[in-house]
Amino acid sequence: MVVRVVIAVVLALVIGWVGIVALRAVSGAGRTARPRDAEPEDVADLDVFFVCRECGTEFRVTRLGEAQVPRHCGERMDVVRRPSTI
């Protein structure tokens, strides 16, 4: 009887430990966060676009920060910088 209780306690601890490790992995704990004081890049002298490789759709960007590149047609868009036409 005592052996069964000890085995049950050990199994409960192992299952709890595995659960905590899995939750930490999924939640992203320990990742380095980007600094909050990072300012977006001023692109006034460049024309910056997100361009879809599939259909050619372009989105003009006025300020560039640390945002994720959007998707269009299911694919990530390319960041294209061109000389300003102004």
C-alpha atoms as a PDB file:
ATOM      1  CA  MET A   1       0.000   0.000   0.000  1.00  0.00           C
ATOM      2  CA  VAL A   2       2.775   2.473   0.867  1.00  0.00           C
ATOM      3  CA  VAL A   3       4.570   1.663  -2.409  1.00  0.00           C
ATOM      4  CA  ARG A   4       1.454   2.538  -4.418  1.00  0.00           C
ATOM      5  CA  VAL A   5       1.115   5.893  -2.639  1.00  0.00           C
ATOM      6  CA  VAL A   6       4.784   6.728  -3.273  1.00  0.00           C
ATOM      7  CA  ILE A   7       4.448   5.770  -6.954  1.00  0.00           C
ATOM      8  CA  ALA A   8       1.284   7.905  -7.259  1.00  0.00           C
ATOM      9  CA  VAL A   9       2.995  10.929  -5.707  1.00  0.00           C
ATOM     10  CA  VAL A  10       6.046  10.539  -7.961  1.00  0.00           C
ATOM     11  CA  LEU A  11       3.823  10.195 -11.053  1.00  0.00           C
ATOM     12  CA  ALA A  12       1.830  13.294 -10.043  1.00  0.00           C
ATOM     13  CA  LEU A  13       5.044  15.313  -9.641  1.00  0.00           C
ATOM     14  CA  VAL A  14       6.399  14.140 -13.013  1.00  0.00           C
ATOM     15  CA  ILE A  15       3.123  14.913 -14.798  1.00  0.00           C
ATOM     16  CA  GLY A  16       2.964  18.355 -13.151  1.00  0.00           C
ATOM     17  CA  TRP A  17       6.581  19.113 -14.091  1.00  0.00           C
ATOM     18  CA  VAL A  18       6.017  18.068 -17.727  1.00  0.00           C
ATOM     19  CA  GLY A  19       2.871  20.235 -17.852  1.00  0.00           C
ATOM     20  CA  ILE A  20       4.676  23.297 -16.507  1.00  0.00           C
ATOM     21  CA  VAL A  21       7.570  22.846 -18.951  1.00  0.00           C
ATOM     22  CA  ALA A  22       5.116  22.489 -21.850  1.00  0.00           C
ATOM     23  CA  LEU A  23       3.184  25.620 -20.832  1.00  0.00           C
ATOM     24  CA  ARG A  24       6.391  27.648 -20.550  1.00  0.00           C
ATOM     25  CA  ALA A  25       7.466  26.487 -24.017  1.00  0.00           C
ATOM     26  CA  VAL A  26       4.114  27.435 -25.555  1.00  0.00           C
ATOM     27  CA  SER A  27       3.833  30.783 -23.758  1.00  0.00           C
ATOM     28  CA  GLY A  28       7.247  31.958 -24.931  1.00  0.00           C
ATOM     29  CA  ALA A  29       8.594  32.558 -21.435  1.00  0.00           C
ATOM     30  CA  GLY A  30      12.273  33.383 -21.562  1.00  0.00           C
ATOM     31  CA  ARG A  31      12.190  35.005 -24.992  1.00  0.00           C
ATOM     32  CA  THR A  32      13.891  38.324 -25.231  1.00  0.00           C
ATOM     33  CA  ALA A  33      11.329  41.039 -25.793  1.00  0.00           C
ATOM     34  CA  ARG A  34      12.130  43.938 -28.074  1.00  0.00           C
ATOM     35  CA  PRO A  35      12.867  47.165 -26.262  1.00  0.00           C
ATOM     36  CA  ARG A  36       9.793  49.333 -25.802  1.00  0.00           C
ATOM     37  CA  ASP A  37      11.762  52.502 -26.456  1.00  0.00           C
ATOM     38  CA  ALA A  38      12.731  51.478 -30.016  1.00  0.00           C
ATOM     39  CA  GLU A  39      11.486  54.184 -32.347  1.00  0.00           C
ATOM     40  CA  PRO A  40      10.096  53.429 -35.821  1.00  0.00           C
ATOM     41  CA  GLU A  41      12.465  54.220 -38.679  1.00  0.00           C
ATOM     42  CA  ASP A  42      11.704  57.406 -40.558  1.00  0.00           C
ATOM     43  CA  VAL A  43      11.433  56.557 -44.265  1.00  0.00           C
ATOM     44  CA  ALA A  44      10.643  60.047 -45.553  1.00  0.00           C
ATOM     45  CA  ASP A  45      13.509  59.961 -48.076  1.00  0.00           C
ATOM     46  CA  LEU A  46      12.617  56.459 -49.367  1.00  0.00           C
ATOM     47  CA  ASP A  47       9.516  54.897 -50.818  1.00  0.00           C
ATOM     48  CA  VAL A  48       9.057  51.645 -48.901  1.00  0.00           C
ATOM     49  CA  PHE A  49       6.510  49.057 -50.041  1.00  0.00           C
ATOM     50  CA  PHE A  50       5.310  45.621 -48.980  1.00  0.00           C
ATOM     51  CA  VAL A  51       5.048  43.728 -52.291  1.00  0.00           C
ATOM     52  CA  CYS A  52       3.185  40.429 -52.806  1.00  0.00           C
ATOM     53  CA  ARG A  53       5.274  37.983 -54.868  1.00  0.00           C
ATOM     54  CA  GLU A  54       2.169  36.191 -56.162  1.00  0.00           C
ATOM     55  CA  CYS A  55      -0.094  38.951 -57.499  1.00  0.00           C
ATOM     56  CA  GLY A  56       2.028  42.111 -57.310  1.00  0.00           C
ATOM     57  CA  THR A  57      -0.127  43.966 -54.777  1.00  0.00           C
ATOM     58  CA  GLU A  58       1.838  46.761 -53.107  1.00  0.00           C
ATOM     59  CA  PHE A  59       1.256  48.518 -49.780  1.00  0.00           C
ATOM     60  CA  ARG A  60       3.108  51.787 -49.216  1.00  0.00           C
ATOM     61  CA  VAL A  61       4.791  52.118 -45.812  1.00  0.00           C
ATOM     62  CA  THR A  62       5.190  55.519 -44.226  1.00  0.00           C
ATOM     63  CA  ARG A  63       7.013  54.443 -41.038  1.00  0.00           C
ATOM     64  CA  LEU A  64       8.969  51.238 -40.570  1.00  0.00           C
ATOM     65  CA  GLY A  65       9.135  49.595 -37.140  1.00  0.00           C
ATOM     66  CA  GLU A  66       9.533  46.092 -35.804  1.00  0.00           C
ATOM     67  CA  ALA A  67       6.149  44.895 -37.066  1.00  0.00           C
ATOM     68  CA  GLN A  68       5.596  41.531 -38.650  1.00  0.00           C
ATOM     69  CA  VAL A  69       5.553  41.491 -42.431  1.00  0.00           C
ATOM     70  CA  PRO A  70       1.938  41.010 -43.589  1.00  0.00           C
ATOM     71  CA  ARG A  71       0.748  38.129 -45.759  1.00  0.00           C
ATOM     72  CA  HIS A  72      -1.120  38.375 -49.043  1.00  0.00           C
ATOM     73  CA  CYS A  73      -2.206  35.444 -51.237  1.00  0.00           C
ATOM     74  CA  GLY A  74      -1.000  33.210 -48.397  1.00  0.00           C
ATOM     75  CA  GLU A  75       2.653  34.265 -48.788  1.00  0.00           C
ATOM     76  CA  ARG A  76       4.791  36.716 -46.837  1.00  0.00           C
ATOM     77  CA  MET A  77       5.212  40.034 -48.601  1.00  0.00           C
ATOM     78  CA  ASP A  78       8.663  41.378 -49.526  1.00  0.00           C
ATOM     79  CA  VAL A  79       9.930  44.706 -48.192  1.00  0.00           C
ATOM     80  CA  VAL A  80      11.090  46.793 -51.162  1.00  0.00           C
ATOM     81  CA  ARG A  81      12.850  50.162 -50.827  1.00  0.00           C
ATOM     82  CA  ARG A  82      12.994  52.427 -53.830  1.00  0.00           C
ATOM     83  CA  PRO A  83      14.522  55.892 -54.272  1.00  0.00           C
ATOM     84  CA  SER A  84      11.986  58.626 -53.624  1.00  0.00           C
ATOM     85  CA  THR A  85      10.339  60.068 -56.736  1.00  0.00           C
ATOM     86  CA  ILE A  86       9.661  63.411 -55.045  1.00  0.00           C
END
